[in-house]
Amino acid sequence: MKYDNSQVRRRDRLLDEARAIELLETVEYGVLSMIDEDGQPYGIPINHIWDGAECVYIHCAPEGKKLRAIRAGRHDVSLCIVGRVHLLPSKFTTEYESVILKGKAYIDLPEEERRYALELLLQKLSPNDVEMGRVYVDKSFRRTEIIRIDLTEFSGKRKYVPKG
């Protein structure tokens, strides 16, 4: 996965790679964007987990629009993660941090990889209830699909407004 800010227009708003990775690791949700099975744009909020290397996992029901798009060959996706946001009404602006990731989405993963992804999600989203979460995963495993996004590149942008 390559960090590439070359296409960010506002060069004064570049987010450094370390902070972009921190957002990828810690932010609870993002917006997955893709082209649906009918060729139309589609975006949906999702929970995600980064594997620490070059892929992100998303969990979902075993049927639905995301899966139909991927089955139709629409593998190219984008994931937008937004970190700190602070509205500054009196300055008519907003401070923010964001990361845009590009990659290829895959489904029908082996059971072992699906369980691995769900374990990672438990560790991130329910760290105080992992044992109970494992029981829940076992009960609902057949009703859960996992999407793996093999990341190819990402970029980051931020806006900070100086105090004063």
C-alpha atoms as a PDB file:
ATOM      1  CA  MET A   1       0.000   0.000   0.000  1.00  0.00           C
ATOM      2  CA  LYS A   2       1.503   3.272  -1.115  1.00  0.00           C
ATOM      3  CA  TYR A   3       0.963   6.591   0.678  1.00  0.00           C
ATOM      4  CA  ASP A   4       0.568   9.144  -2.110  1.00  0.00           C
ATOM      5  CA  ASN A   5      -0.455  12.749  -1.529  1.00  0.00           C
ATOM      6  CA  SER A   6       0.580  13.866  -5.017  1.00  0.00           C
ATOM      7  CA  GLN A   7      -3.034  14.455  -6.095  1.00  0.00           C
ATOM      8  CA  VAL A   8      -4.000  16.562  -3.064  1.00  0.00           C
ATOM      9  CA  ARG A   9      -4.603  20.041  -4.459  1.00  0.00           C
ATOM     10  CA  ARG A  10      -4.057  22.013  -1.241  1.00  0.00           C
ATOM     11  CA  ARG A  11      -0.418  21.266  -0.496  1.00  0.00           C
ATOM     12  CA  ASP A  12      -0.691  23.237   2.755  1.00  0.00           C
ATOM     13  CA  ARG A  13      -3.219  20.680   4.072  1.00  0.00           C
ATOM     14  CA  LEU A  14      -1.310  17.447   3.686  1.00  0.00           C
ATOM     15  CA  LEU A  15      -1.733  14.929   6.489  1.00  0.00           C
ATOM     16  CA  ASP A  16       1.449  13.068   7.337  1.00  0.00           C
ATOM     17  CA  GLU A  17       1.543   9.323   6.772  1.00  0.00           C
ATOM     18  CA  ALA A  18       1.927   8.437  10.468  1.00  0.00           C
ATOM     19  CA  ARG A  19      -1.283  10.299  11.371  1.00  0.00           C
ATOM     20  CA  ALA A  20      -3.102   8.775   8.374  1.00  0.00           C
ATOM     21  CA  ILE A  21      -2.178   5.294   9.612  1.00  0.00           C
ATOM     22  CA  GLU A  22      -3.275   6.206  13.136  1.00  0.00           C
ATOM     23  CA  LEU A  23      -6.688   7.222  11.784  1.00  0.00           C
ATOM     24  CA  LEU A  24      -6.931   3.995   9.778  1.00  0.00           C
ATOM     25  CA  GLU A  25      -6.217   2.023  12.962  1.00  0.00           C
ATOM     26  CA  THR A  26      -8.439   3.891  15.394  1.00  0.00           C
ATOM     27  CA  VAL A  27     -11.439   5.530  13.706  1.00  0.00           C
ATOM     28  CA  GLU A  28     -14.562   3.421  14.221  1.00  0.00           C
ATOM     29  CA  TYR A  29     -16.253   3.903  10.871  1.00  0.00           C
ATOM     30  CA  GLY A  30     -15.839   5.152   7.353  1.00  0.00           C
ATOM     31  CA  VAL A  31     -17.795   5.465   4.136  1.00  0.00           C
ATOM     32  CA  LEU A  32     -17.310   2.780   1.511  1.00  0.00           C
ATOM     33  CA  SER A  33     -17.882   4.021  -2.045  1.00  0.00           C
ATOM     34  CA  MET A  34     -18.259   1.853  -5.107  1.00  0.00           C
ATOM     35  CA  ILE A  35     -20.174   1.465  -8.334  1.00  0.00           C
ATOM     36  CA  ASP A  36     -23.211  -0.748  -7.811  1.00  0.00           C
ATOM     37  CA  GLU A  37     -24.351  -3.631 -10.007  1.00  0.00           C
ATOM     38  CA  ASP A  38     -26.390  -1.193 -12.134  1.00  0.00           C
ATOM     39  CA  GLY A  39     -23.409   1.100 -12.754  1.00  0.00           C
ATOM     40  CA  GLN A  40     -24.597   3.744 -10.289  1.00  0.00           C
ATOM     41  CA  PRO A  41     -22.513   5.371  -7.535  1.00  0.00           C
ATOM     42  CA  TYR A  42     -23.100   3.890  -4.085  1.00  0.00           C
ATOM     43  CA  GLY A  43     -21.710   4.922  -0.712  1.00  0.00           C
ATOM     44  CA  ILE A  44     -22.498   3.436   2.686  1.00  0.00           C
ATOM     45  CA  PRO A  45     -21.164   3.920   6.228  1.00  0.00           C
ATOM     46  CA  ILE A  46     -19.337   0.848   7.551  1.00  0.00           C
ATOM     47  CA  ASN A  47     -17.207  -0.374  10.450  1.00  0.00           C
ATOM     48  CA  HIS A  48     -13.777  -1.466   9.326  1.00  0.00           C
ATOM     49  CA  ILE A  49     -10.624  -3.030  10.661  1.00  0.00           C
ATOM     50  CA  TRP A  50      -7.148  -2.670   9.214  1.00  0.00           C
ATOM     51  CA  ASP A  51      -4.975  -5.777   9.375  1.00  0.00           C
ATOM     52  CA  GLY A  52      -1.846  -3.713  10.023  1.00  0.00           C
ATOM     53  CA  ALA A  53      -0.476  -4.444   6.570  1.00  0.00           C
ATOM     54  CA  GLU A  54      -2.310  -3.996   3.274  1.00  0.00           C
ATOM     55  CA  CYS A  55      -5.974  -4.826   3.709  1.00  0.00           C
ATOM     56  CA  VAL A  56      -9.120  -3.687   5.448  1.00  0.00           C
ATOM     57  CA  TYR A  57     -11.977  -5.963   6.467  1.00  0.00           C
ATOM     58  CA  ILE A  58     -15.647  -5.038   6.583  1.00  0.00           C
ATOM     59  CA  HIS A  59     -18.468  -7.182   7.954  1.00  0.00           C
ATOM     60  CA  CYS A  60     -22.008  -7.238   6.594  1.00  0.00           C
ATOM     61  CA  ALA A  61     -25.053  -9.425   6.040  1.00  0.00           C
ATOM     62  CA  PRO A  62     -24.619 -12.300   3.558  1.00  0.00           C
ATOM     63  CA  GLU A  63     -26.694 -10.470   0.951  1.00  0.00           C
ATOM     64  CA  GLY A  64     -27.109  -6.886  -0.146  1.00  0.00           C
ATOM     65  CA  LYS A  65     -26.051  -4.146  -2.511  1.00  0.00           C
ATOM     66  CA  LYS A  66     -22.323  -4.206  -1.654  1.00  0.00           C
ATOM     67  CA  LEU A  67     -22.089  -7.916  -2.334  1.00  0.00           C
ATOM     68  CA  ARG A  68     -24.135  -7.734  -5.530  1.00  0.00           C
ATOM     69  CA  ALA A  69     -21.769  -5.036  -6.813  1.00  0.00           C
ATOM     70  CA  ILE A  70     -18.678  -7.107  -6.053  1.00  0.00           C
ATOM     71  CA  ARG A  71     -20.247 -10.217  -7.614  1.00  0.00           C
ATOM     72  CA  ALA A  72     -20.979  -8.114 -10.716  1.00  0.00           C
ATOM     73  CA  GLY A  73     -17.233  -7.443 -10.996  1.00  0.00           C
ATOM     74  CA  ARG A  74     -17.207  -4.006  -9.389  1.00  0.00           C
ATOM     75  CA  HIS A  75     -14.072  -4.606  -7.330  1.00  0.00           C
ATOM     76  CA  ASP A  76     -12.668  -1.052  -7.365  1.00  0.00           C
ATOM     77  CA  VAL A  77     -13.656   0.743  -4.171  1.00  0.00           C
ATOM     78  CA  SER A  78     -12.762   3.755  -2.106  1.00  0.00           C
ATOM     79  CA  LEU A  79     -12.951   4.127   1.655  1.00  0.00           C
ATOM     80  CA  CYS A  80     -13.120   7.540   3.321  1.00  0.00           C
ATOM     81  CA  ILE A  81     -12.237   7.788   6.999  1.00  0.00           C
ATOM     82  CA  VAL A  82     -12.789  11.053   8.846  1.00  0.00           C
ATOM     83  CA  GLY A  83     -10.933  11.717  12.074  1.00  0.00           C
ATOM     84  CA  ARG A  84     -11.109  14.809  14.203  1.00  0.00           C
ATOM     85  CA  VAL A  85     -13.742  17.315  13.080  1.00  0.00           C
ATOM     86  CA  HIS A  86     -14.257  20.674  14.756  1.00  0.00           C
ATOM     87  CA  LEU A  87     -16.779  23.163  13.430  1.00  0.00           C
ATOM     88  CA  LEU A  88     -15.660  26.798  13.822  1.00  0.00           C
ATOM     89  CA  PRO A  89     -18.861  28.780  13.175  1.00  0.00           C
ATOM     90  CA  SER A  90     -17.394  32.198  13.952  1.00  0.00           C
ATOM     91  CA  LYS A  91     -14.568  31.575  11.449  1.00  0.00           C
ATOM     92  CA  PHE A  92     -16.905  30.054   8.813  1.00  0.00           C
ATOM     93  CA  THR A  93     -14.797  26.937   8.483  1.00  0.00           C
ATOM     94  CA  THR A  94     -14.203  23.448   9.836  1.00  0.00           C
ATOM     95  CA  GLU A  95     -11.058  21.754  11.094  1.00  0.00           C
ATOM     96  CA  TYR A  96     -10.790  18.123   9.988  1.00  0.00           C
ATOM     97  CA  GLU A  97      -8.600  15.141   9.236  1.00  0.00           C
ATOM     98  CA  SER A  98      -9.420  12.605   6.543  1.00  0.00           C
ATOM     99  CA  VAL A  99      -7.922   9.643   4.764  1.00  0.00           C
ATOM    100  CA  ILE A 100      -8.982   8.301   1.369  1.00  0.00           C
ATOM    101  CA  LEU A 101      -8.030   4.702   0.601  1.00  0.00           C
ATOM    102  CA  LYS A 102      -8.315   2.934  -2.751  1.00  0.00           C
ATOM    103  CA  GLY A 103      -8.367  -0.776  -3.309  1.00  0.00           C
ATOM    104  CA  LYS A 104      -9.988  -3.907  -4.671  1.00  0.00           C
ATOM    105  CA  ALA A 105     -12.830  -5.630  -2.811  1.00  0.00           C
ATOM    106  CA  TYR A 106     -13.151  -9.409  -2.515  1.00  0.00           C
ATOM    107  CA  ILE A 107     -15.707 -11.754  -0.981  1.00  0.00           C
ATOM    108  CA  ASP A 108     -16.175 -15.507  -0.555  1.00  0.00           C
ATOM    109  CA  LEU A 109     -13.117 -15.658   1.683  1.00  0.00           C
ATOM    110  CA  PRO A 110     -12.046 -18.862   3.432  1.00  0.00           C
ATOM    111  CA  GLU A 111     -13.660 -19.467   6.836  1.00  0.00           C
ATOM    112  CA  GLU A 112     -10.335 -19.046   8.637  1.00  0.00           C
ATOM    113  CA  GLU A 113      -9.819 -15.571   7.153  1.00  0.00           C
ATOM    114  CA  ARG A 114     -13.405 -14.552   7.938  1.00  0.00           C
ATOM    115  CA  ARG A 115     -12.970 -15.603  11.580  1.00  0.00           C
ATOM    116  CA  TYR A 116      -9.649 -13.746  11.720  1.00  0.00           C
ATOM    117  CA  ALA A 117     -11.359 -10.559  10.487  1.00  0.00           C
ATOM    118  CA  LEU A 118     -14.155 -10.885  13.043  1.00  0.00           C
ATOM    119  CA  GLU A 119     -11.597 -11.399  15.815  1.00  0.00           C
ATOM    120  CA  LEU A 120      -9.818  -8.210  14.734  1.00  0.00           C
ATOM    121  CA  LEU A 121     -13.149  -6.351  14.737  1.00  0.00           C
ATOM    122  CA  LEU A 122     -13.901  -7.613  18.259  1.00  0.00           C
ATOM    123  CA  GLN A 123     -10.504  -6.448  19.487  1.00  0.00           C
ATOM    124  CA  LYS A 124     -11.077  -2.982  18.028  1.00  0.00           C
ATOM    125  CA  LEU A 125     -14.774  -2.349  18.600  1.00  0.00           C
ATOM    126  CA  SER A 126     -15.501  -4.408  21.750  1.00  0.00           C
ATOM    127  CA  PRO A 127     -12.163  -4.746  23.574  1.00  0.00           C
ATOM    128  CA  ASN A 128     -13.837  -5.150  26.982  1.00  0.00           C
ATOM    129  CA  ASP A 129     -16.224  -7.862  25.787  1.00  0.00           C
ATOM    130  CA  VAL A 130     -14.069 -10.082  23.584  1.00  0.00           C
ATOM    131  CA  GLU A 131     -15.050 -13.395  25.212  1.00  0.00           C
ATOM    132  CA  MET A 132     -18.757 -12.625  24.978  1.00  0.00           C
ATOM    133  CA  GLY A 133     -18.155 -11.363  21.434  1.00  0.00           C
ATOM    134  CA  ARG A 134     -16.607 -14.692  20.423  1.00  0.00           C
ATOM    135  CA  VAL A 135     -19.780 -16.468  21.540  1.00  0.00           C
ATOM    136  CA  TYR A 136     -21.813 -13.990  19.479  1.00  0.00           C
ATOM    137  CA  VAL A 137     -19.538 -14.535  16.460  1.00  0.00           C
ATOM    138  CA  ASP A 138     -20.008 -18.312  16.699  1.00  0.00           C
ATOM    139  CA  LYS A 139     -23.795 -17.962  16.833  1.00  0.00           C
ATOM    140  CA  SER A 140     -24.031 -15.494  13.938  1.00  0.00           C
ATOM    141  CA  PHE A 141     -21.086 -16.621  11.798  1.00  0.00           C
ATOM    142  CA  ARG A 142     -23.242 -18.141   9.038  1.00  0.00           C
ATOM    143  CA  ARG A 143     -25.258 -14.899   8.843  1.00  0.00           C
ATOM    144  CA  THR A 144     -22.148 -12.736   8.411  1.00  0.00           C
ATOM    145  CA  GLU A 145     -20.150 -11.972   5.292  1.00  0.00           C
ATOM    146  CA  ILE A 146     -16.687 -10.430   5.264  1.00  0.00           C
ATOM    147  CA  ILE A 147     -15.374  -8.143   2.549  1.00  0.00           C
ATOM    148  CA  ARG A 148     -11.619  -7.808   2.218  1.00  0.00           C
ATOM    149  CA  ILE A 149     -10.280  -4.694   0.545  1.00  0.00           C
ATOM    150  CA  ASP A 150      -6.728  -5.080  -0.703  1.00  0.00           C
ATOM    151  CA  LEU A 151      -5.428  -1.540  -0.423  1.00  0.00           C
ATOM    152  CA  THR A 152      -3.364  -0.110  -3.254  1.00  0.00           C
ATOM    153  CA  GLU A 153      -2.890   3.495  -2.168  1.00  0.00           C
ATOM    154  CA  PHE A 154      -4.053   6.095   0.299  1.00  0.00           C
ATOM    155  CA  SER A 155      -3.741   9.795   0.936  1.00  0.00           C
ATOM    156  CA  GLY A 156      -4.538  12.158   3.755  1.00  0.00           C
ATOM    157  CA  LYS A 157      -5.668  15.706   4.181  1.00  0.00           C
ATOM    158  CA  ARG A 158      -6.263  17.943   7.171  1.00  0.00           C
ATOM    159  CA  LYS A 159      -7.165  21.461   8.049  1.00  0.00           C
ATOM    160  CA  TYR A 160      -6.071  23.100  11.278  1.00  0.00           C
ATOM    161  CA  VAL A 161      -6.934  26.671  12.106  1.00  0.00           C
ATOM    162  CA  PRO A 162      -4.410  28.531  14.264  1.00  0.00           C
ATOM    163  CA  LYS A 163      -5.809  29.864  17.542  1.00  0.00           C
ATOM    164  CA  GLY A 164      -6.215  33.566  17.811  1.00  0.00           C
END
